[in-house]
């Protein structure tokens, strides 16, 4: 399924780089793990519209690896996979 976010929104796939063990060697169950705050951008919207009616392009693009806030975005499922939809302003930075 193709998904195109609207406005200044982006579709992000969370990274699965969470550690399975603590520093002391204790295995952490899935329910106790924190969700990663890193992900890659899968799709981007066309950009926001300014007060004068001009479209402002987004600074991020598909494939960028980004950091975002712990409670940012809205979780959705598409074709059985979990994604986040968030505004570009919820992105803290791009990892290069």
PDB file of N, CA and C in Angstrom:
ATOM      1  N   UNK A   1       0.840  -1.171   0.000  1.00  0.00           N
ATOM      2  CA  UNK A   1       0.000   0.000   0.000  1.00  0.00           C
ATOM      3  C   UNK A   1       0.889   1.240   0.000  1.00  0.00           C
ATOM      4  N   UNK A   2       0.573   2.197  -0.851  1.00  0.00           N
ATOM      5  CA  UNK A   2       1.290   3.471  -0.866  1.00  0.00           C
ATOM      6  C   UNK A   2       0.605   4.418   0.098  1.00  0.00           C
ATOM      7  N   UNK A   3       1.405   5.160   0.859  1.00  0.00           N
ATOM      8  CA  UNK A   3       0.873   6.117   1.824  1.00  0.00           C
ATOM      9  C   UNK A   3       1.585   7.436   1.619  1.00  0.00           C
ATOM     10  N   UNK A   4       0.827   8.505   1.429  1.00  0.00           N
ATOM     11  CA  UNK A   4       1.382   9.840   1.255  1.00  0.00           C
ATOM     12  C   UNK A   4       0.873  10.733   2.382  1.00  0.00           C
ATOM     13  N   UNK A   5       1.762  11.144   3.311  1.00  0.00           N
ATOM     14  CA  UNK A   5       1.337  12.058   4.375  1.00  0.00           C
ATOM     15  C   UNK A   5       0.921  13.412   3.797  1.00  0.00           C
ATOM     16  N   UNK A   6       0.081  14.102   4.512  1.00  0.00           N
ATOM     17  CA  UNK A   6      -0.382  15.418   4.076  1.00  0.00           C
ATOM     18  C   UNK A   6       0.384  16.516   4.799  1.00  0.00           C
ATOM     19  N   UNK A   7       0.487  17.672   4.173  1.00  0.00           N
ATOM     20  CA  UNK A   7       1.093  18.842   4.796  1.00  0.00           C
ATOM     21  C   UNK A   7       2.530  18.612   5.196  1.00  0.00           C
ATOM     22  N   UNK A   8       2.859  18.999   6.427  1.00  0.00           N
ATOM     23  CA  UNK A   8       4.238  18.880   6.911  1.00  0.00           C
ATOM     24  C   UNK A   8       4.441  17.619   7.744  1.00  0.00           C
ATOM     25  N   UNK A   9       3.672  16.583   7.463  1.00  0.00           N
ATOM     26  CA  UNK A   9       3.790  15.333   8.217  1.00  0.00           C
ATOM     27  C   UNK A   9       4.757  14.368   7.518  1.00  0.00           C
ATOM     28  N   UNK A  10       5.335  13.470   8.322  1.00  0.00           N
ATOM     29  CA  UNK A  10       6.226  12.435   7.801  1.00  0.00           C
ATOM     30  C   UNK A  10       5.822  11.086   8.382  1.00  0.00           C
ATOM     31  N   UNK A  11       6.112  10.019   7.652  1.00  0.00           N
ATOM     32  CA  UNK A  11       5.862   8.650   8.101  1.00  0.00           C
ATOM     33  C   UNK A  11       7.212   8.057   8.486  1.00  0.00           C
ATOM     34  N   UNK A  12       7.329   7.594   9.738  1.00  0.00           N
ATOM     35  CA  UNK A  12       8.602   7.122  10.282  1.00  0.00           C
ATOM     36  C   UNK A  12       8.472   5.669  10.715  1.00  0.00           C
ATOM     37  N   UNK A  13       9.479   4.855  10.374  1.00  0.00           N
ATOM     38  CA  UNK A  13       9.574   3.470  10.837  1.00  0.00           C
ATOM     39  C   UNK A  13      10.606   3.449  11.952  1.00  0.00           C
ATOM     40  N   UNK A  14      10.188   3.030  13.159  1.00  0.00           N
ATOM     41  CA  UNK A  14      11.106   2.979  14.304  1.00  0.00           C
ATOM     42  C   UNK A  14      12.234   1.981  14.043  1.00  0.00           C
ATOM     43  N   UNK A  15      13.424   2.283  14.565  1.00  0.00           N
ATOM     44  CA  UNK A  15      14.558   1.368  14.503  1.00  0.00           C
ATOM     45  C   UNK A  15      14.350   0.256  15.523  1.00  0.00           C
ATOM     46  N   UNK A  16      14.860  -0.911  15.233  1.00  0.00           N
ATOM     47  CA  UNK A  16      14.761  -2.038  16.164  1.00  0.00           C
ATOM     48  C   UNK A  16      16.113  -2.322  16.799  1.00  0.00           C
ATOM     49  N   UNK A  17      16.787  -1.270  17.284  1.00  0.00           N
ATOM     50  CA  UNK A  17      18.122  -1.441  17.840  1.00  0.00           C
ATOM     51  C   UNK A  17      18.135  -1.468  19.364  1.00  0.00           C
ATOM     52  N   UNK A  18      17.017  -1.790  19.976  1.00  0.00           N
ATOM     53  CA  UNK A  18      16.953  -1.836  21.446  1.00  0.00           C
ATOM     54  C   UNK A  18      17.745  -3.034  21.971  1.00  0.00           C
ATOM     55  N   UNK A  19      18.458  -2.840  23.065  1.00  0.00           N
ATOM     56  CA  UNK A  19      19.261  -3.909  23.657  1.00  0.00           C
ATOM     57  C   UNK A  19      18.349  -4.962  24.276  1.00  0.00           C
ATOM     58  N   UNK A  20      18.753  -6.220  24.140  1.00  0.00           N
ATOM     59  CA  UNK A  20      18.007  -7.323  24.719  1.00  0.00           C
ATOM     60  C   UNK A  20      18.402  -7.583  26.172  1.00  0.00           C
ATOM     61  N   UNK A  21      19.608  -7.111  26.559  1.00  0.00           N
ATOM     62  CA  UNK A  21      20.103  -7.330  27.913  1.00  0.00           C
ATOM     63  C   UNK A  21      20.516  -6.007  28.533  1.00  0.00           C
ATOM     64  N   UNK A  22      20.453  -5.962  29.852  1.00  0.00           N
ATOM     65  CA  UNK A  22      20.945  -4.786  30.571  1.00  0.00           C
ATOM     66  C   UNK A  22      22.465  -4.883  30.692  1.00  0.00           C
ATOM     67  N   UNK A  23      23.090  -3.860  31.249  1.00  0.00           N
ATOM     68  CA  UNK A  23      24.537  -3.867  31.420  1.00  0.00           C
ATOM     69  C   UNK A  23      24.982  -4.993  32.353  1.00  0.00           C
ATOM     70  N   UNK A  24      24.117  -5.391  33.280  1.00  0.00           N
ATOM     71  CA  UNK A  24      24.441  -6.465  34.220  1.00  0.00           C
ATOM     72  C   UNK A  24      24.146  -7.852  33.689  1.00  0.00           C
ATOM     73  N   UNK A  25      23.633  -7.947  32.461  1.00  0.00           N
ATOM     74  CA  UNK A  25      23.361  -9.237  31.846  1.00  0.00           C
ATOM     75  C   UNK A  25      21.952  -9.743  32.036  1.00  0.00           C
ATOM     76  N   UNK A  26      21.072  -8.937  32.622  1.00  0.00           N
ATOM     77  CA  UNK A  26      19.686  -9.348  32.834  1.00  0.00           C
ATOM     78  C   UNK A  26      18.918  -9.160  31.525  1.00  0.00           C
ATOM     79  N   UNK A  27      18.167 -10.165  31.119  1.00  0.00           N
ATOM     80  CA  UNK A  27      17.374 -10.082  29.890  1.00  0.00           C
ATOM     81  C   UNK A  27      16.132  -9.240  30.171  1.00  0.00           C
ATOM     82  N   UNK A  28      15.909  -8.261  29.315  1.00  0.00           N
ATOM     83  CA  UNK A  28      14.789  -7.335  29.494  1.00  0.00           C
ATOM     84  C   UNK A  28      13.610  -7.812  28.653  1.00  0.00           C
ATOM     85  N   UNK A  29      12.445  -8.058  29.265  1.00  0.00           N
ATOM     86  CA  UNK A  29      11.278  -8.488  28.484  1.00  0.00           C
ATOM     87  C   UNK A  29      10.748  -7.349  27.612  1.00  0.00           C
ATOM     88  N   UNK A  30      10.021  -7.719  26.555  1.00  0.00           N
ATOM     89  CA  UNK A  30       9.488  -6.724  25.620  1.00  0.00           C
ATOM     90  C   UNK A  30       8.603  -5.687  26.299  1.00  0.00           C
ATOM     91  N   UNK A  31       7.877  -6.097  27.318  1.00  0.00           N
ATOM     92  CA  UNK A  31       6.961  -5.167  27.978  1.00  0.00           C
ATOM     93  C   UNK A  31       7.685  -4.100  28.787  1.00  0.00           C
ATOM     94  N   UNK A  32       8.922  -4.354  29.176  1.00  0.00           N
ATOM     95  CA  UNK A  32       9.675  -3.398  29.995  1.00  0.00           C
ATOM     96  C   UNK A  32      10.615  -2.518  29.173  1.00  0.00           C
ATOM     97  N   UNK A  33      10.769  -2.831  27.893  1.00  0.00           N
ATOM     98  CA  UNK A  33      11.694  -2.064  27.053  1.00  0.00           C
ATOM     99  C   UNK A  33      11.102  -0.710  26.698  1.00  0.00           C
ATOM    100  N   UNK A  34      11.979   0.267  26.607  1.00  0.00           N
ATOM    101  CA  UNK A  34      11.549   1.570  26.106  1.00  0.00           C
ATOM    102  C   UNK A  34      11.578   1.521  24.590  1.00  0.00           C
ATOM    103  N   UNK A  35      10.634   2.182  23.968  1.00  0.00           N
ATOM    104  CA  UNK A  35      10.602   2.223  22.513  1.00  0.00           C
ATOM    105  C   UNK A  35      11.722   3.129  22.019  1.00  0.00           C
ATOM    106  N   UNK A  36      12.352   2.741  20.912  1.00  0.00           N
ATOM    107  CA  UNK A  36      13.445   3.565  20.394  1.00  0.00           C
ATOM    108  C   UNK A  36      12.961   4.942  19.958  1.00  0.00           C
ATOM    109  N   UNK A  37      13.830   5.924  20.092  1.00  0.00           N
ATOM    110  CA  UNK A  37      13.521   7.285  19.681  1.00  0.00           C
ATOM    111  C   UNK A  37      14.265   7.626  18.405  1.00  0.00           C
ATOM    112  N   UNK A  38      14.600   6.607  17.650  1.00  0.00           N
ATOM    113  CA  UNK A  38      15.308   6.752  16.391  1.00  0.00           C
ATOM    114  C   UNK A  38      14.522   5.991  15.330  1.00  0.00           C
ATOM    115  N   UNK A  39      14.514   6.506  14.122  1.00  0.00           N
ATOM    116  CA  UNK A  39      13.825   5.827  13.045  1.00  0.00           C
ATOM    117  C   UNK A  39      14.217   6.390  11.705  1.00  0.00           C
ATOM    118  N   UNK A  40      13.734   5.736  10.654  1.00  0.00           N
ATOM    119  CA  UNK A  40      14.011   6.222   9.305  1.00  0.00           C
ATOM    120  C   UNK A  40      12.716   6.694   8.664  1.00  0.00           C
ATOM    121  N   UNK A  41      12.838   7.724   7.865  1.00  0.00           N
ATOM    122  CA  UNK A  41      11.672   8.317   7.221  1.00  0.00           C
ATOM    123  C   UNK A  41      11.312   7.490   5.990  1.00  0.00           C
ATOM    124  N   UNK A  42      10.053   7.074   5.933  1.00  0.00           N
ATOM    125  CA  UNK A  42       9.554   6.238   4.848  1.00  0.00           C
ATOM    126  C   UNK A  42       8.863   7.095   3.783  1.00  0.00           C
ATOM    127  N   UNK A  43       8.118   8.105   4.213  1.00  0.00           N
ATOM    128  CA  UNK A  43       7.408   8.983   3.276  1.00  0.00           C
ATOM    129  C   UNK A  43       7.295  10.377   3.880  1.00  0.00           C
ATOM    130  N   UNK A  44       7.265  11.385   3.015  1.00  0.00           N
ATOM    131  CA  UNK A  44       7.123  12.771   3.460  1.00  0.00           C
ATOM    132  C   UNK A  44       5.975  13.430   2.727  1.00  0.00           C
ATOM    133  N   UNK A  45       5.354  14.397   3.389  1.00  0.00           N
ATOM    134  CA  UNK A  45       4.293  15.171   2.766  1.00  0.00           C
ATOM    135  C   UNK A  45       4.871  16.255   1.868  1.00  0.00           C
ATOM    136  N   UNK A  46       4.022  16.987   1.174  1.00  0.00           N
ATOM    137  CA  UNK A  46       4.484  18.024   0.256  1.00  0.00           C
ATOM    138  C   UNK A  46       5.021  19.264   0.949  1.00  0.00           C
ATOM    139  N   UNK A  47       4.762  19.436   2.235  1.00  0.00           N
ATOM    140  CA  UNK A  47       5.227  20.600   2.980  1.00  0.00           C
ATOM    141  C   UNK A  47       4.063  21.416   3.494  1.00  0.00           C
ATOM    142  N   UNK A  48       4.359  22.272   4.457  1.00  0.00           N
ATOM    143  CA  UNK A  48       3.322  23.112   5.050  1.00  0.00           C
ATOM    144  C   UNK A  48       2.995  24.301   4.163  1.00  0.00           C
ATOM    145  N   UNK A  49       1.880  24.941   4.460  1.00  0.00           N
ATOM    146  CA  UNK A  49       1.470  26.135   3.724  1.00  0.00           C
ATOM    147  C   UNK A  49       1.602  27.331   4.665  1.00  0.00           C
ATOM    148  N   UNK A  50       2.336  28.349   4.219  1.00  0.00           N
ATOM    149  CA  UNK A  50       2.544  29.532   5.050  1.00  0.00           C
ATOM    150  C   UNK A  50       1.315  30.440   5.002  1.00  0.00           C
ATOM    151  N   UNK A  51       1.334  31.518   5.775  1.00  0.00           N
ATOM    152  CA  UNK A  51       0.196  32.432   5.854  1.00  0.00           C
ATOM    153  C   UNK A  51      -0.117  33.090   4.517  1.00  0.00           C
ATOM    154  N   UNK A  52       0.898  33.289   3.690  1.00  0.00           N
ATOM    155  CA  UNK A  52       0.664  33.926   2.390  1.00  0.00           C
ATOM    156  C   UNK A  52       0.292  32.921   1.293  1.00  0.00           C
ATOM    157  N   UNK A  53       0.098  31.650   1.662  1.00  0.00           N
ATOM    158  CA  UNK A  53      -0.387  30.646   0.716  1.00  0.00           C
ATOM    159  C   UNK A  53       0.707  29.895  -0.024  1.00  0.00           C
ATOM    160  N   UNK A  54       1.969  30.170   0.264  1.00  0.00           N
ATOM    161  CA  UNK A  54       3.066  29.491  -0.421  1.00  0.00           C
ATOM    162  C   UNK A  54       3.435  28.218   0.340  1.00  0.00           C
ATOM    163  N   UNK A  55       3.764  27.182  -0.413  1.00  0.00           N
ATOM    164  CA  UNK A  55       4.138  25.903   0.190  1.00  0.00           C
ATOM    165  C   UNK A  55       5.604  25.948   0.618  1.00  0.00           C
ATOM    166  N   UNK A  56       5.861  25.519   1.869  1.00  0.00           N
ATOM    167  CA  UNK A  56       7.207  25.474   2.422  1.00  0.00           C
ATOM    168  C   UNK A  56       7.694  24.030   2.369  1.00  0.00           C
ATOM    169  N   UNK A  57       8.751  23.731   1.612  1.00  0.00           N
ATOM    170  CA  UNK A  57       9.222  22.340   1.526  1.00  0.00           C
ATOM    171  C   UNK A  57       9.814  21.866   2.851  1.00  0.00           C
ATOM    172  N   UNK A  58       9.784  20.551   3.056  1.00  0.00           N
ATOM    173  CA  UNK A  58      10.324  19.964   4.277  1.00  0.00           C
ATOM    174  C   UNK A  58      11.852  19.886   4.199  1.00  0.00           C
ATOM    175  N   UNK A  59      12.499  19.922   5.365  1.00  0.00           N
ATOM    176  CA  UNK A  59      13.953  19.832   5.435  1.00  0.00           C
ATOM    177  C   UNK A  59      14.440  18.388   5.431  1.00  0.00           C
ATOM    178  N   UNK A  60      13.562  17.440   5.708  1.00  0.00           N
ATOM    179  CA  UNK A  60      13.934  16.021   5.724  1.00  0.00           C
ATOM    180  C   UNK A  60      13.434  15.360   4.448  1.00  0.00           C
ATOM    181  N   UNK A  61      14.022  14.205   4.127  1.00  0.00           N
ATOM    182  CA  UNK A  61      13.615  13.472   2.931  1.00  0.00           C
ATOM    183  C   UNK A  61      13.532  11.983   3.249  1.00  0.00           C
ATOM    184  N   UNK A  62      12.963  11.221   2.353  1.00  0.00           N
ATOM    185  CA  UNK A  62      12.853   9.776   2.542  1.00  0.00           C
ATOM    186  C   UNK A  62      14.240   9.175   2.705  1.00  0.00           C
ATOM    187  N   UNK A  63      14.367   8.245   3.642  1.00  0.00           N
ATOM    188  CA  UNK A  63      15.633   7.577   3.883  1.00  0.00           C
ATOM    189  C   UNK A  63      16.467   8.206   4.985  1.00  0.00           C
ATOM    190  N   UNK A  64      16.157   9.436   5.406  1.00  0.00           N
ATOM    191  CA  UNK A  64      16.892  10.076   6.502  1.00  0.00           C
ATOM    192  C   UNK A  64      16.655   9.317   7.803  1.00  0.00           C
ATOM    193  N   UNK A  65      17.698   9.184   8.616  1.00  0.00           N
ATOM    194  CA  UNK A  65      17.580   8.594   9.954  1.00  0.00           C
ATOM    195  C   UNK A  65      17.468   9.761  10.929  1.00  0.00           C
ATOM    196  N   UNK A  66      16.383   9.759  11.707  1.00  0.00           N
ATOM    197  CA  UNK A  66      16.072  10.904  12.558  1.00  0.00           C
ATOM    198  C   UNK A  66      15.904  10.491  14.017  1.00  0.00           C
ATOM    199  N   UNK A  67      16.050  11.474  14.904  1.00  0.00           N
ATOM    200  CA  UNK A  67      15.733  11.331  16.318  1.00  0.00           C
ATOM    201  C   UNK A  67      14.474  12.125  16.594  1.00  0.00           C
ATOM    202  N   UNK A  68      13.596  11.582  17.422  1.00  0.00           N
ATOM    203  CA  UNK A  68      12.354  12.274  17.750  1.00  0.00           C
ATOM    204  C   UNK A  68      12.057  12.099  19.220  1.00  0.00           C
ATOM    205  N   UNK A  69      11.140  12.891  19.745  1.00  0.00           N
ATOM    206  CA  UNK A  69      10.781  12.858  21.159  1.00  0.00           C
ATOM    207  C   UNK A  69      10.111  11.556  21.550  1.00  0.00           C
ATOM    208  N   UNK A  70      10.191  11.246  22.837  1.00  0.00           N
ATOM    209  CA  UNK A  70       9.664   9.986  23.367  1.00  0.00           C
ATOM    210  C   UNK A  70       8.173   9.813  23.090  1.00  0.00           C
ATOM    211  N   UNK A  71       7.408  10.873  23.197  1.00  0.00           N
ATOM    212  CA  UNK A  71       5.954  10.777  23.024  1.00  0.00           C
ATOM    213  C   UNK A  71       5.480  11.440  21.738  1.00  0.00           C
ATOM    214  N   UNK A  72       6.350  11.565  20.757  1.00  0.00           N
ATOM    215  CA  UNK A  72       6.002  12.218  19.492  1.00  0.00           C
ATOM    216  C   UNK A  72       5.236  11.278  18.578  1.00  0.00           C
ATOM    217  N   UNK A  73       4.381  11.853  17.780  1.00  0.00           N
ATOM    218  CA  UNK A  73       3.714  11.116  16.724  1.00  0.00           C
ATOM    219  C   UNK A  73       2.531  10.276  17.160  1.00  0.00           C
ATOM    220  N   UNK A  74       1.880   9.717  16.153  1.00  0.00           N
ATOM    221  CA  UNK A  74       0.729   8.841  16.327  1.00  0.00           C
ATOM    222  C   UNK A  74       1.071   7.491  15.724  1.00  0.00           C
ATOM    223  N   UNK A  75       0.923   6.425  16.495  1.00  0.00           N
ATOM    224  CA  UNK A  75       1.245   5.085  16.014  1.00  0.00           C
ATOM    225  C   UNK A  75       0.121   4.561  15.129  1.00  0.00           C
ATOM    226  N   UNK A  76       0.511   4.004  13.974  1.00  0.00           N
ATOM    227  CA  UNK A  76      -0.462   3.385  13.066  1.00  0.00           C
ATOM    228  C   UNK A  76       0.112   2.067  12.553  1.00  0.00           C
ATOM    229  N   UNK A  77      -0.749   1.223  11.991  1.00  0.00           N
ATOM    230  CA  UNK A  77      -0.319  -0.020  11.355  1.00  0.00           C
ATOM    231  C   UNK A  77      -0.728   0.036   9.890  1.00  0.00           C
ATOM    232  N   UNK A  78       0.231  -0.246   9.007  1.00  0.00           N
ATOM    233  CA  UNK A  78      -0.026  -0.337   7.568  1.00  0.00           C
ATOM    234  C   UNK A  78       0.540  -1.663   7.083  1.00  0.00           C
ATOM    235  N   UNK A  79      -0.276  -2.484   6.470  1.00  0.00           N
ATOM    236  CA  UNK A  79       0.152  -3.789   5.964  1.00  0.00           C
ATOM    237  C   UNK A  79       0.855  -4.617   7.043  1.00  0.00           C
ATOM    238  N   UNK A  80       0.395  -4.534   8.285  1.00  0.00           N
ATOM    239  CA  UNK A  80       0.944  -5.320   9.377  1.00  0.00           C
ATOM    240  C   UNK A  80       2.208  -4.759  10.005  1.00  0.00           C
ATOM    241  N   UNK A  81       2.706  -3.638   9.523  1.00  0.00           N
ATOM    242  CA  UNK A  81       3.905  -3.009  10.093  1.00  0.00           C
ATOM    243  C   UNK A  81       3.508  -1.774  10.881  1.00  0.00           C
ATOM    244  N   UNK A  82       4.263  -1.484  11.949  1.00  0.00           N
ATOM    245  CA  UNK A  82       3.981  -0.314  12.781  1.00  0.00           C
ATOM    246  C   UNK A  82       4.812   0.887  12.327  1.00  0.00           C
ATOM    247  N   UNK A  83       4.152   2.023  12.233  1.00  0.00           N
ATOM    248  CA  UNK A  83       4.787   3.272  11.828  1.00  0.00           C
ATOM    249  C   UNK A  83       4.331   4.387  12.757  1.00  0.00           C
ATOM    250  N   UNK A  84       5.002   5.522  12.665  1.00  0.00           N
ATOM    251  CA  UNK A  84       4.605   6.744  13.362  1.00  0.00           C
ATOM    252  C   UNK A  84       4.342   7.816  12.318  1.00  0.00           C
ATOM    253  N   UNK A  85       3.270   8.579  12.517  1.00  0.00           N
ATOM    254  CA  UNK A  85       3.036   9.775  11.715  1.00  0.00           C
ATOM    255  C   UNK A  85       3.274  10.952  12.644  1.00  0.00           C
ATOM    256  N   UNK A  86       4.128  11.886  12.206  1.00  0.00           N
ATOM    257  CA  UNK A  86       4.413  13.049  13.039  1.00  0.00           C
ATOM    258  C   UNK A  86       4.667  14.267  12.180  1.00  0.00           C
ATOM    259  N   UNK A  87       4.522  15.428  12.796  1.00  0.00           N
ATOM    260  CA  UNK A  87       4.864  16.675  12.126  1.00  0.00           C
ATOM    261  C   UNK A  87       6.381  16.790  12.047  1.00  0.00           C
ATOM    262  N   UNK A  88       6.854  17.495  11.050  1.00  0.00           N
ATOM    263  CA  UNK A  88       8.292  17.701  10.914  1.00  0.00           C
ATOM    264  C   UNK A  88       8.864  18.387  12.159  1.00  0.00           C
ATOM    265  N   UNK A  89       8.088  19.232  12.797  1.00  0.00           N
ATOM    266  CA  UNK A  89       8.565  19.947  13.986  1.00  0.00           C
ATOM    267  C   UNK A  89       8.793  19.011  15.181  1.00  0.00           C
ATOM    268  N   UNK A  90       8.232  17.787  15.160  1.00  0.00           N
ATOM    269  CA  UNK A  90       8.459  16.806  16.224  1.00  0.00           C
ATOM    270  C   UNK A  90       9.821  16.127  16.102  1.00  0.00           C
ATOM    271  N   UNK A  91      10.471  16.285  14.948  1.00  0.00           N
ATOM    272  CA  UNK A  91      11.790  15.672  14.720  1.00  0.00           C
ATOM    273  C   UNK A  91      12.843  16.560  15.366  1.00  0.00           C
ATOM    274  N   UNK A  92      13.690  15.948  16.186  1.00  0.00           N
ATOM    275  CA  UNK A  92      14.723  16.689  16.900  1.00  0.00           C
ATOM    276  C   UNK A  92      15.969  16.909  16.064  1.00  0.00           C
ATOM    277  N   UNK A  93      16.295  15.971  15.184  1.00  0.00           N
ATOM    278  CA  UNK A  93      17.488  16.109  14.363  1.00  0.00           C
ATOM    279  C   UNK A  93      17.652  14.938  13.409  1.00  0.00           C
ATOM    280  N   UNK A  94      18.547  15.126  12.442  1.00  0.00           N
ATOM    281  CA  UNK A  94      18.855  14.106  11.441  1.00  0.00           C
ATOM    282  C   UNK A  94      20.247  13.565  11.731  1.00  0.00           C
ATOM    283  N   UNK A  95      20.394  12.247  11.737  1.00  0.00           N
ATOM    284  CA  UNK A  95      21.700  11.612  11.938  1.00  0.00           C
ATOM    285  C   UNK A  95      22.362  11.449  10.576  1.00  0.00           C
ATOM    286  N   UNK A  96      23.587  11.916  10.452  1.00  0.00           N
ATOM    287  CA  UNK A  96      24.303  11.829   9.167  1.00  0.00           C
ATOM    288  C   UNK A  96      25.470  10.885   9.288  1.00  0.00           C
TER     289      UNK A  96
END
